[in-house]
PDB file of N, CA and C in Angstrom:
ATOM      1  N   MET A   1      -1.928 -30.450 -34.573  1.00  0.00           N
ATOM      2  CA  MET A   1      -1.290 -29.154 -34.699  1.00  0.00           C
ATOM      3  C   MET A   1      -1.481 -28.375 -33.405  1.00  0.00           C
ATOM      4  N   ASN A   2      -0.406 -27.866 -32.889  1.00  0.00           N
ATOM      5  CA  ASN A   2      -0.471 -27.074 -31.665  1.00  0.00           C
ATOM      6  C   ASN A   2      -0.833 -25.643 -32.002  1.00  0.00           C
ATOM      7  N   VAL A   3      -1.805 -25.129 -31.274  1.00  0.00           N
ATOM      8  CA  VAL A   3      -2.209 -23.741 -31.442  1.00  0.00           C
ATOM      9  C   VAL A   3      -1.566 -22.945 -30.308  1.00  0.00           C
ATOM     10  N   PRO A   4      -0.731 -21.959 -30.649  1.00  0.00           N
ATOM     11  CA  PRO A   4      -0.084 -21.186 -29.577  1.00  0.00           C
ATOM     12  C   PRO A   4      -1.128 -20.395 -28.788  1.00  0.00           C
ATOM     13  N   ALA A   5      -0.901 -20.357 -27.501  1.00  0.00           N
ATOM     14  CA  ALA A   5      -1.798 -19.581 -26.642  1.00  0.00           C
ATOM     15  C   ALA A   5      -1.615 -18.101 -26.947  1.00  0.00           C
ATOM     16  N   GLN A   6      -2.719 -17.410 -26.992  1.00  0.00           N
ATOM     17  CA  GLN A   6      -2.641 -15.977 -27.249  1.00  0.00           C
ATOM     18  C   GLN A   6      -2.180 -15.262 -25.994  1.00  0.00           C
ATOM     19  N   ALA A   7      -1.295 -14.330 -26.193  1.00  0.00           N
ATOM     20  CA  ALA A   7      -0.823 -13.525 -25.064  1.00  0.00           C
ATOM     21  C   ALA A   7      -1.942 -12.596 -24.635  1.00  0.00           C
ATOM     22  N   SER A   8      -2.183 -12.586 -23.361  1.00  0.00           N
ATOM     23  CA  SER A   8      -3.228 -11.726 -22.824  1.00  0.00           C
ATOM     24  C   SER A   8      -2.603 -10.451 -22.285  1.00  0.00           C
ATOM     25  N   HIS A   9      -3.274  -9.352 -22.528  1.00  0.00           N
ATOM     26  CA  HIS A   9      -2.814  -8.075 -21.988  1.00  0.00           C
ATOM     27  C   HIS A   9      -3.392  -7.827 -20.605  1.00  0.00           C
ATOM     28  N   GLU A  10      -4.327  -8.668 -20.207  1.00  0.00           N
ATOM     29  CA  GLU A  10      -4.909  -8.553 -18.876  1.00  0.00           C
ATOM     30  C   GLU A  10      -4.058  -9.357 -17.895  1.00  0.00           C
ATOM     31  N   PRO A  11      -3.686  -8.765 -16.766  1.00  0.00           N
ATOM     32  CA  PRO A  11      -2.902  -9.521 -15.803  1.00  0.00           C
ATOM     33  C   PRO A  11      -3.725 -10.660 -15.208  1.00  0.00           C
ATOM     34  N   THR A  12      -3.077 -11.775 -14.981  1.00  0.00           N
ATOM     35  CA  THR A  12      -3.763 -12.898 -14.360  1.00  0.00           C
ATOM     36  C   THR A  12      -3.845 -12.662 -12.862  1.00  0.00           C
ATOM     37  N   GLU A  13      -4.670 -13.454 -12.215  1.00  0.00           N
ATOM     38  CA  GLU A  13      -4.790 -13.343 -10.765  1.00  0.00           C
ATOM     39  C   GLU A  13      -3.429 -13.603 -10.114  1.00  0.00           C
ATOM     40  N   THR A  14      -2.661 -14.495 -10.678  1.00  0.00           N
ATOM     41  CA  THR A  14      -1.337 -14.784 -10.148  1.00  0.00           C
ATOM     42  C   THR A  14      -0.439 -13.561 -10.235  1.00  0.00           C
ATOM     43  N   GLN A  15      -0.509 -12.825 -11.328  1.00  0.00           N
ATOM     44  CA  GLN A  15       0.303 -11.616 -11.462  1.00  0.00           C
ATOM     45  C   GLN A  15      -0.095 -10.578 -10.416  1.00  0.00           C
ATOM     46  N   PHE A  16      -1.394 -10.461 -10.145  1.00  0.00           N
ATOM     47  CA  PHE A  16      -1.846  -9.537  -9.098  1.00  0.00           C
ATOM     48  C   PHE A  16      -1.324  -9.980  -7.740  1.00  0.00           C
ATOM     49  N   GLU A  17      -1.383 -11.273  -7.466  1.00  0.00           N
ATOM     50  CA  GLU A  17      -0.914 -11.772  -6.177  1.00  0.00           C
ATOM     51  C   GLU A  17       0.585 -11.553  -6.018  1.00  0.00           C
ATOM     52  N   ILE A  18       1.360 -11.771  -7.057  1.00  0.00           N
ATOM     53  CA  ILE A  18       2.805 -11.518  -7.003  1.00  0.00           C
ATOM     54  C   ILE A  18       3.052 -10.035  -6.741  1.00  0.00           C
ATOM     55  N   ARG A  19       2.319  -9.193  -7.424  1.00  0.00           N
ATOM     56  CA  ARG A  19       2.491  -7.742  -7.226  1.00  0.00           C
ATOM     57  C   ARG A  19       2.128  -7.345  -5.802  1.00  0.00           C
ATOM     58  N   ARG A  20       1.031  -7.875  -5.297  1.00  0.00           N
ATOM     59  CA  ARG A  20       0.634  -7.563  -3.917  1.00  0.00           C
ATOM     60  C   ARG A  20       1.711  -8.009  -2.923  1.00  0.00           C
ATOM     61  N   ARG A  21       2.235  -9.215  -3.104  1.00  0.00           N
ATOM     62  CA  ARG A  21       3.281  -9.699  -2.198  1.00  0.00           C
ATOM     63  C   ARG A  21       4.519  -8.808  -2.259  1.00  0.00           C
ATOM     64  N   ARG A  22       4.881  -8.354  -3.435  1.00  0.00           N
ATOM     65  CA  ARG A  22       6.037  -7.459  -3.562  1.00  0.00           C
ATOM     66  C   ARG A  22       5.780  -6.130  -2.859  1.00  0.00           C
ATOM     67  N   LEU A  23       4.562  -5.617  -2.989  1.00  0.00           N
ATOM     68  CA  LEU A  23       4.233  -4.352  -2.319  1.00  0.00           C
ATOM     69  C   LEU A  23       4.202  -4.530  -0.806  1.00  0.00           C
ATOM     70  N   VAL A  24       3.714  -5.664  -0.324  1.00  0.00           N
ATOM     71  CA  VAL A  24       3.743  -5.928   1.117  1.00  0.00           C
ATOM     72  C   VAL A  24       5.196  -5.973   1.592  1.00  0.00           C
ATOM     73  N   PHE A  25       6.052  -6.664   0.849  1.00  0.00           N
ATOM     74  CA  PHE A  25       7.466  -6.721   1.211  1.00  0.00           C
ATOM     75  C   PHE A  25       8.076  -5.329   1.249  1.00  0.00           C
ATOM     76  N   ARG A  26       7.829  -4.548   0.211  1.00  0.00           N
ATOM     77  CA  ARG A  26       8.350  -3.167   0.182  1.00  0.00           C
ATOM     78  C   ARG A  26       7.851  -2.358   1.361  1.00  0.00           C
ATOM     79  N   SER A  27       6.601  -2.570   1.727  1.00  0.00           N
ATOM     80  CA  SER A  27       5.998  -1.815   2.830  1.00  0.00           C
ATOM     81  C   SER A  27       6.652  -2.162   4.163  1.00  0.00           C
ATOM     82  N   TRP A  28       7.041  -3.422   4.330  1.00  0.00           N
ATOM     83  CA  TRP A  28       7.679  -3.856   5.576  1.00  0.00           C
ATOM     84  C   TRP A  28       9.168  -3.550   5.606  1.00  0.00           C
ATOM     85  N   ASN A  29       9.726  -3.105   4.498  1.00  0.00           N
ATOM     86  CA  ASN A  29      11.178  -2.896   4.412  1.00  0.00           C
ATOM     87  C   ASN A  29      11.515  -1.503   3.905  1.00  0.00           C
ATOM     88  N   ARG A  30      10.974  -0.503   4.547  1.00  0.00           N
ATOM     89  CA  ARG A  30      11.191   0.894   4.154  1.00  0.00           C
ATOM     90  C   ARG A  30      12.504   1.436   4.701  1.00  0.00           C
ATOM     91  N   GLY A  31      12.927   0.936   5.838  1.00  0.00           N
ATOM     92  CA  GLY A  31      14.179   1.416   6.410  1.00  0.00           C
ATOM     93  C   GLY A  31      14.048   1.947   7.818  1.00  0.00           C
ATOM     94  N   THR A  32      12.874   2.426   8.185  1.00  0.00           N
ATOM     95  CA  THR A  32      12.671   2.845   9.571  1.00  0.00           C
ATOM     96  C   THR A  32      11.596   1.964  10.180  1.00  0.00           C
ATOM     97  N   GLN A  33      11.768   1.658  11.444  1.00  0.00           N
ATOM     98  CA  GLN A  33      10.847   0.755  12.125  1.00  0.00           C
ATOM     99  C   GLN A  33       9.417   1.303  12.122  1.00  0.00           C
ATOM    100  N   GLU A  34       9.274   2.604  12.295  1.00  0.00           N
ATOM    101  CA  GLU A  34       7.947   3.206  12.358  1.00  0.00           C
ATOM    102  C   GLU A  34       7.210   3.073  11.024  1.00  0.00           C
ATOM    103  N   SER A  35       7.885   3.412   9.939  1.00  0.00           N
ATOM    104  CA  SER A  35       7.220   3.321   8.637  1.00  0.00           C
ATOM    105  C   SER A  35       6.992   1.870   8.246  1.00  0.00           C
ATOM    106  N   ASP A  36       7.937   0.982   8.595  1.00  0.00           N
ATOM    107  CA  ASP A  36       7.728  -0.437   8.328  1.00  0.00           C
ATOM    108  C   ASP A  36       6.464  -0.930   9.026  1.00  0.00           C
ATOM    109  N   LEU A  37       6.329  -0.577  10.277  1.00  0.00           N
ATOM    110  CA  LEU A  37       5.191  -1.030  11.073  1.00  0.00           C
ATOM    111  C   LEU A  37       3.863  -0.521  10.517  1.00  0.00           C
ATOM    112  N   ILE A  38       3.807   0.752  10.215  1.00  0.00           N
ATOM    113  CA  ILE A  38       2.559   1.341   9.723  1.00  0.00           C
ATOM    114  C   ILE A  38       2.229   0.843   8.325  1.00  0.00           C
ATOM    115  N   LEU A  39       3.155   1.007   7.397  1.00  0.00           N
ATOM    116  CA  LEU A  39       2.872   0.658   6.004  1.00  0.00           C
ATOM    117  C   LEU A  39       2.773  -0.851   5.806  1.00  0.00           C
ATOM    118  N   GLY A  40       3.591  -1.611   6.530  1.00  0.00           N
ATOM    119  CA  GLY A  40       3.522  -3.065   6.409  1.00  0.00           C
ATOM    120  C   GLY A  40       2.204  -3.625   6.919  1.00  0.00           C
ATOM    121  N   SER A  41       1.773  -3.159   8.085  1.00  0.00           N
ATOM    122  CA  SER A  41       0.505  -3.661   8.623  1.00  0.00           C
ATOM    123  C   SER A  41      -0.675  -3.186   7.774  1.00  0.00           C
ATOM    124  N   PHE A  42      -0.592  -1.963   7.256  1.00  0.00           N
ATOM    125  CA  PHE A  42      -1.642  -1.485   6.350  1.00  0.00           C
ATOM    126  C   PHE A  42      -1.693  -2.346   5.090  1.00  0.00           C
ATOM    127  N   ALA A  43      -0.525  -2.624   4.504  1.00  0.00           N
ATOM    128  CA  ALA A  43      -0.482  -3.416   3.274  1.00  0.00           C
ATOM    129  C   ALA A  43      -1.060  -4.809   3.507  1.00  0.00           C
ATOM    130  N   GLU A  44      -0.684  -5.444   4.600  1.00  0.00           N
ATOM    131  CA  GLU A  44      -1.214  -6.774   4.888  1.00  0.00           C
ATOM    132  C   GLU A  44      -2.725  -6.748   5.072  1.00  0.00           C
ATOM    133  N   ALA A  45      -3.228  -5.714   5.701  1.00  0.00           N
ATOM    134  CA  ALA A  45      -4.663  -5.627   5.976  1.00  0.00           C
ATOM    135  C   ALA A  45      -5.485  -5.188   4.771  1.00  0.00           C
ATOM    136  N   SER A  46      -4.876  -4.479   3.830  1.00  0.00           N
ATOM    137  CA  SER A  46      -5.672  -3.801   2.803  1.00  0.00           C
ATOM    138  C   SER A  46      -5.447  -4.245   1.366  1.00  0.00           C
ATOM    139  N   LEU A  47      -4.256  -4.651   1.012  1.00  0.00           N
ATOM    140  CA  LEU A  47      -3.947  -4.842  -0.406  1.00  0.00           C
ATOM    141  C   LEU A  47      -4.748  -5.947  -1.075  1.00  0.00           C
ATOM    142  N   THR A  48      -5.226  -6.916  -0.329  1.00  0.00           N
ATOM    143  CA  THR A  48      -6.019  -7.974  -0.958  1.00  0.00           C
ATOM    144  C   THR A  48      -7.329  -7.438  -1.523  1.00  0.00           C
ATOM    145  N   ASP A  49      -7.773  -6.295  -1.037  1.00  0.00           N
ATOM    146  CA  ASP A  49      -9.010  -5.672  -1.525  1.00  0.00           C
ATOM    147  C   ASP A  49      -8.769  -4.682  -2.658  1.00  0.00           C
ATOM    148  N   PHE A  50      -7.525  -4.371  -2.964  1.00  0.00           N
ATOM    149  CA  PHE A  50      -7.206  -3.340  -3.953  1.00  0.00           C
ATOM    150  C   PHE A  50      -7.279  -3.887  -5.370  1.00  0.00           C
ATOM    151  N   ASP A  51      -7.760  -3.042  -6.275  1.00  0.00           N
ATOM    152  CA  ASP A  51      -7.705  -3.371  -7.698  1.00  0.00           C
ATOM    153  C   ASP A  51      -6.376  -2.854  -8.261  1.00  0.00           C
ATOM    154  N   GLY A  52      -6.158  -3.051  -9.536  1.00  0.00           N
ATOM    155  CA  GLY A  52      -4.899  -2.650 -10.158  1.00  0.00           C
ATOM    156  C   GLY A  52      -4.603  -1.171 -10.040  1.00  0.00           C
ATOM    157  N   ASN A  53      -5.616  -0.337 -10.202  1.00  0.00           N
ATOM    158  CA  ASN A  53      -5.410   1.115 -10.100  1.00  0.00           C
ATOM    159  C   ASN A  53      -5.048   1.529  -8.677  1.00  0.00           C
ATOM    160  N   GLN A  54      -5.688   0.899  -7.704  1.00  0.00           N
ATOM    161  CA  GLN A  54      -5.353   1.212  -6.315  1.00  0.00           C
ATOM    162  C   GLN A  54      -3.934   0.745  -5.974  1.00  0.00           C
ATOM    163  N   LEU A  55      -3.533  -0.399  -6.523  1.00  0.00           N
ATOM    164  CA  LEU A  55      -2.158  -0.844  -6.320  1.00  0.00           C
ATOM    165  C   LEU A  55      -1.176   0.158  -6.916  1.00  0.00           C
ATOM    166  N   ASP A  56      -1.519   0.718  -8.080  1.00  0.00           N
ATOM    167  CA  ASP A  56      -0.678   1.757  -8.692  1.00  0.00           C
ATOM    168  C   ASP A  56      -0.539   2.951  -7.763  1.00  0.00           C
ATOM    169  N   ARG A  57      -1.661   3.387  -7.190  1.00  0.00           N
ATOM    170  CA  ARG A  57      -1.625   4.553  -6.304  1.00  0.00           C
ATOM    171  C   ARG A  57      -0.838   4.262  -5.023  1.00  0.00           C
ATOM    172  N   PHE A  58      -0.999   3.054  -4.480  1.00  0.00           N
ATOM    173  CA  PHE A  58      -0.243   2.693  -3.281  1.00  0.00           C
ATOM    174  C   PHE A  58       1.252   2.624  -3.593  1.00  0.00           C
ATOM    175  N   GLU A  59       1.592   2.051  -4.718  1.00  0.00           N
ATOM    176  CA  GLU A  59       2.999   1.965  -5.106  1.00  0.00           C
ATOM    177  C   GLU A  59       3.615   3.355  -5.263  1.00  0.00           C
ATOM    178  N   ALA A  60       2.851   4.282  -5.807  1.00  0.00           N
ATOM    179  CA  ALA A  60       3.333   5.662  -5.931  1.00  0.00           C
ATOM    180  C   ALA A  60       3.567   6.280  -4.550  1.00  0.00           C
ATOM    181  N   LEU A  61       2.725   5.948  -3.584  1.00  0.00           N
ATOM    182  CA  LEU A  61       2.936   6.450  -2.222  1.00  0.00           C
ATOM    183  C   LEU A  61       4.225   5.891  -1.633  1.00  0.00           C
ATOM    184  N   LEU A  62       4.533   4.631  -1.944  1.00  0.00           N
ATOM    185  CA  LEU A  62       5.756   4.031  -1.418  1.00  0.00           C
ATOM    186  C   LEU A  62       7.008   4.692  -1.974  1.00  0.00           C
ATOM    187  N   ASP A  63       6.868   5.392  -3.081  1.00  0.00           N
ATOM    188  CA  ASP A  63       8.000   6.122  -3.651  1.00  0.00           C
ATOM    189  C   ASP A  63       8.231   7.468  -2.968  1.00  0.00           C
ATOM    190  N   CYS A  64       7.316   7.875  -2.111  1.00  0.00           N
ATOM    191  CA  CYS A  64       7.442   9.153  -1.394  1.00  0.00           C
ATOM    192  C   CYS A  64       8.330   8.981  -0.165  1.00  0.00           C
ATOM    193  N   SER A  65       8.854  10.081   0.309  1.00  0.00           N
ATOM    194  CA  SER A  65       9.719  10.025   1.494  1.00  0.00           C
ATOM    195  C   SER A  65       8.887   9.775   2.752  1.00  0.00           C
ATOM    196  N   ASP A  66       9.529   9.169   3.730  1.00  0.00           N
ATOM    197  CA  ASP A  66       8.842   8.898   4.995  1.00  0.00           C
ATOM    198  C   ASP A  66       8.332  10.170   5.675  1.00  0.00           C
ATOM    199  N   PRO A  67       9.134  11.243   5.756  1.00  0.00           N
ATOM    200  CA  PRO A  67       8.607  12.449   6.413  1.00  0.00           C
ATOM    201  C   PRO A  67       7.335  12.983   5.739  1.00  0.00           C
ATOM    202  N   ASP A  68       7.318  12.980   4.403  1.00  0.00           N
ATOM    203  CA  ASP A  68       6.105  13.430   3.708  1.00  0.00           C
ATOM    204  C   ASP A  68       4.937  12.514   4.011  1.00  0.00           C
ATOM    205  N   LEU A  69       5.157  11.188   3.926  1.00  0.00           N
ATOM    206  CA  LEU A  69       4.076  10.242   4.201  1.00  0.00           C
ATOM    207  C   LEU A  69       3.529  10.402   5.614  1.00  0.00           C
ATOM    208  N   PHE A  70       4.413  10.565   6.594  1.00  0.00           N
ATOM    209  CA  PHE A  70       3.961  10.732   7.972  1.00  0.00           C
ATOM    210  C   PHE A  70       3.095  11.976   8.111  1.00  0.00           C
ATOM    211  N   ASP A  71       3.508  13.069   7.505  1.00  0.00           N
ATOM    212  CA  ASP A  71       2.701  14.290   7.560  1.00  0.00           C
ATOM    213  C   ASP A  71       1.325  14.064   6.957  1.00  0.00           C
ATOM    214  N   TRP A  72       1.261  13.391   5.824  1.00  0.00           N
ATOM    215  CA  TRP A  72      -0.014  13.156   5.155  1.00  0.00           C
ATOM    216  C   TRP A  72      -0.870  12.151   5.910  1.00  0.00           C
ATOM    217  N   MET A  73      -0.245  11.070   6.411  1.00  0.00           N
ATOM    218  CA  MET A  73      -0.997  10.019   7.102  1.00  0.00           C
ATOM    219  C   MET A  73      -1.638  10.529   8.389  1.00  0.00           C
ATOM    220  N   PHE A  74      -0.927  11.402   9.080  1.00  0.00           N
ATOM    221  CA  PHE A  74      -1.418  11.861  10.375  1.00  0.00           C
ATOM    222  C   PHE A  74      -2.048  13.244  10.321  1.00  0.00           C
ATOM    223  N   GLY A  75      -2.312  13.748   9.116  1.00  0.00           N
ATOM    224  CA  GLY A  75      -3.041  14.990   8.948  1.00  0.00           C
ATOM    225  C   GLY A  75      -2.275  16.245   9.286  1.00  0.00           C
ATOM    226  N   ILE A  76      -0.968  16.154   9.376  1.00  0.00           N
ATOM    227  CA  ILE A  76      -0.161  17.344   9.656  1.00  0.00           C
ATOM    228  C   ILE A  76      -0.123  18.241   8.425  1.00  0.00           C
ATOM    229  N   GLY A  77      -0.106  17.616   7.283  1.00  0.00           N
ATOM    230  CA  GLY A  77      -0.121  18.348   6.022  1.00  0.00           C
ATOM    231  C   GLY A  77      -1.009  17.632   5.030  1.00  0.00           C
ATOM    232  N   GLU A  78      -1.416  18.350   4.015  1.00  0.00           N
ATOM    233  CA  GLU A  78      -2.239  17.763   2.950  1.00  0.00           C
ATOM    234  C   GLU A  78      -1.331  17.212   1.863  1.00  0.00           C
ATOM    235  N   PRO A  79      -1.640  16.013   1.389  1.00  0.00           N
ATOM    236  CA  PRO A  79      -0.833  15.476   0.289  1.00  0.00           C
ATOM    237  C   PRO A  79      -1.061  16.272  -0.991  1.00  0.00           C
ATOM    238  N   PRO A  80      -0.095  16.270  -1.889  1.00  0.00           N
ATOM    239  CA  PRO A  80      -0.309  16.933  -3.177  1.00  0.00           C
ATOM    240  C   PRO A  80      -1.430  16.226  -3.933  1.00  0.00           C
ATOM    241  N   VAL A  81      -1.973  16.891  -4.898  1.00  0.00           N
ATOM    242  CA  VAL A  81      -3.140  16.401  -5.635  1.00  0.00           C
ATOM    243  C   VAL A  81      -2.946  14.966  -6.125  1.00  0.00           C
ATOM    244  N   GLN A  82      -1.772  14.644  -6.657  1.00  0.00           N
ATOM    245  CA  GLN A  82      -1.563  13.309  -7.218  1.00  0.00           C
ATOM    246  C   GLN A  82      -1.574  12.210  -6.159  1.00  0.00           C
ATOM    247  N   HIS A  83      -1.438  12.574  -4.881  1.00  0.00           N
ATOM    248  CA  HIS A  83      -1.465  11.588  -3.803  1.00  0.00           C
ATOM    249  C   HIS A  83      -2.676  11.739  -2.883  1.00  0.00           C
ATOM    250  N   ASN A  84      -3.585  12.617  -3.230  1.00  0.00           N
ATOM    251  CA  ASN A  84      -4.782  12.832  -2.423  1.00  0.00           C
ATOM    252  C   ASN A  84      -5.918  12.042  -3.066  1.00  0.00           C
ATOM    253  N   HIS A  85      -6.028  10.764  -2.694  1.00  0.00           N
ATOM    254  CA  HIS A  85      -6.965   9.855  -3.340  1.00  0.00           C
ATOM    255  C   HIS A  85      -7.487   8.827  -2.342  1.00  0.00           C
ATOM    256  N   ASP A  86      -8.260   7.881  -2.843  1.00  0.00           N
ATOM    257  CA  ASP A  86      -8.899   6.878  -1.989  1.00  0.00           C
ATOM    258  C   ASP A  86      -7.899   6.059  -1.180  1.00  0.00           C
ATOM    259  N   VAL A  87      -6.765   5.727  -1.748  1.00  0.00           N
ATOM    260  CA  VAL A  87      -5.776   4.926  -1.031  1.00  0.00           C
ATOM    261  C   VAL A  87      -5.193   5.728   0.138  1.00  0.00           C
ATOM    262  N   MET A  88      -4.916   7.002  -0.073  1.00  0.00           N
ATOM    263  CA  MET A  88      -4.409   7.841   1.016  1.00  0.00           C
ATOM    264  C   MET A  88      -5.468   7.975   2.107  1.00  0.00           C
ATOM    265  N   ARG A  89      -6.722   8.119   1.722  1.00  0.00           N
ATOM    266  CA  ARG A  89      -7.791   8.208   2.733  1.00  0.00           C
ATOM    267  C   ARG A  89      -7.872   6.914   3.541  1.00  0.00           C
ATOM    268  N   ARG A  90      -7.741   5.777   2.877  1.00  0.00           N
ATOM    269  CA  ARG A  90      -7.769   4.502   3.601  1.00  0.00           C
ATOM    270  C   ARG A  90      -6.565   4.380   4.529  1.00  0.00           C
ATOM    271  N   LEU A  91      -5.421   4.850   4.090  1.00  0.00           N
ATOM    272  CA  LEU A  91      -4.224   4.821   4.924  1.00  0.00           C
ATOM    273  C   LEU A  91      -4.400   5.732   6.137  1.00  0.00           C
ATOM    274  N   ARG A  92      -4.967   6.903   5.925  1.00  0.00           N
ATOM    275  CA  ARG A  92      -5.242   7.813   7.051  1.00  0.00           C
ATOM    276  C   ARG A  92      -6.223   7.189   8.033  1.00  0.00           C
ATOM    277  N   ASP A  93      -7.280   6.584   7.520  1.00  0.00           N
ATOM    278  CA  ASP A  93      -8.259   5.918   8.390  1.00  0.00           C
ATOM    279  C   ASP A  93      -7.601   4.796   9.180  1.00  0.00           C
ATOM    280  N   PHE A  94      -6.730   4.050   8.530  1.00  0.00           N
ATOM    281  CA  PHE A  94      -6.024   2.961   9.186  1.00  0.00           C
ATOM    282  C   PHE A  94      -5.161   3.496  10.330  1.00  0.00           C
ATOM    283  N   CYS A  95      -4.464   4.583  10.095  1.00  0.00           N
ATOM    284  CA  CYS A  95      -3.607   5.174  11.127  1.00  0.00           C
ATOM    285  C   CYS A  95      -4.418   5.737  12.284  1.00  0.00           C
ATOM    286  N   ALA A  96      -5.618   6.209  12.007  1.00  0.00           N
ATOM    287  CA  ALA A  96      -6.457   6.800  13.050  1.00  0.00           C
ATOM    288  C   ALA A  96      -7.148   5.742  13.901  1.00  0.00           C
ATOM    289  N   ALA A  97      -7.256   4.522  13.391  1.00  0.00           N
ATOM    290  CA  ALA A  97      -7.947   3.465  14.126  1.00  0.00           C
ATOM    291  C   ALA A  97      -7.053   2.939  15.242  1.00  0.00           C
ATOM    292  N   PRO A  98      -7.539   2.941  16.472  1.00  0.00           N
ATOM    293  CA  PRO A  98      -6.703   2.505  17.595  1.00  0.00           C
ATOM    294  C   PRO A  98      -6.266   1.048  17.482  1.00  0.00           C
ATOM    295  N   ARG A  99      -7.015   0.218  16.826  1.00  0.00           N
ATOM    296  CA  ARG A  99      -6.681  -1.198  16.719  1.00  0.00           C
ATOM    297  C   ARG A  99      -5.481  -1.462  15.825  1.00  0.00           C
ATOM    298  N   SER A 100      -5.165  -0.563  14.918  1.00  0.00           N
ATOM    299  CA  SER A 100      -4.132  -0.839  13.928  1.00  0.00           C
ATOM    300  C   SER A 100      -2.752  -1.036  14.548  1.00  0.00           C
ATOM    301  N   MET A 101      -2.434  -0.358  15.625  1.00  0.00           N
ATOM    302  CA  MET A 101      -1.130  -0.474  16.236  1.00  0.00           C
ATOM    303  C   MET A 101      -1.154  -1.361  17.484  1.00  0.00           C
ATOM    304  N   ARG A 102      -2.303  -1.499  18.079  1.00  0.00           N
ATOM    305  CA  ARG A 102      -2.396  -2.270  19.320  1.00  0.00           C
ATOM    306  C   ARG A 102      -1.964  -3.722  19.105  1.00  0.00           C
ATOM    307  N   GLN A 103      -2.262  -4.283  17.951  1.00  0.00           N
ATOM    308  CA  GLN A 103      -1.919  -5.684  17.703  1.00  0.00           C
ATOM    309  C   GLN A 103      -0.408  -5.915  17.687  1.00  0.00           C
ATOM    310  N   TYR A 104       0.367  -4.849  17.554  1.00  0.00           N
ATOM    311  CA  TYR A 104       1.820  -4.974  17.554  1.00  0.00           C
ATOM    312  C   TYR A 104       2.451  -4.524  18.869  1.00  0.00           C
ATOM    313  N   GLY A 105       1.631  -4.365  19.894  1.00  0.00           N
ATOM    314  CA  GLY A 105       2.155  -4.037  21.199  1.00  0.00           C
ATOM    315  C   GLY A 105       2.292  -2.568  21.500  1.00  0.00           C
ATOM    316  N   TYR A 106       1.766  -1.698  20.600  1.00  0.00           N
ATOM    317  CA  TYR A 106       1.815  -0.260  20.854  1.00  0.00           C
ATOM    318  C   TYR A 106       0.487   0.208  21.388  1.00  0.00           C
ATOM    319  N   SER A 107       0.506   1.090  22.345  1.00  0.00           N
ATOM    320  CA  SER A 107      -0.738   1.601  22.927  1.00  0.00           C
ATOM    321  C   SER A 107      -1.078   2.946  22.351  1.00  0.00           C
TER     322      SER A 107
END
């Protein structure tokens, strides 16, 4: 007798990896070269360390407009409360680090 496998409500590691790859793709394909470069390189460098909640927060940031993200990433303006979290701080730190852009030929 075959026993049907129980459906799990917990995402498998494969589901997390698929989600991460989709977010990396989205990050590299925002529409402007500058945002693609920043968000894509950040996603490649950081998303493997993110848990599900952090992926949720990063995905919410990707839904924001580029001008707003640029202001928040570079400290021109403060993000609204719902976007002022650990992922935004990591993104700001990434943008402030001189090495983050140098690898792509920018000084």
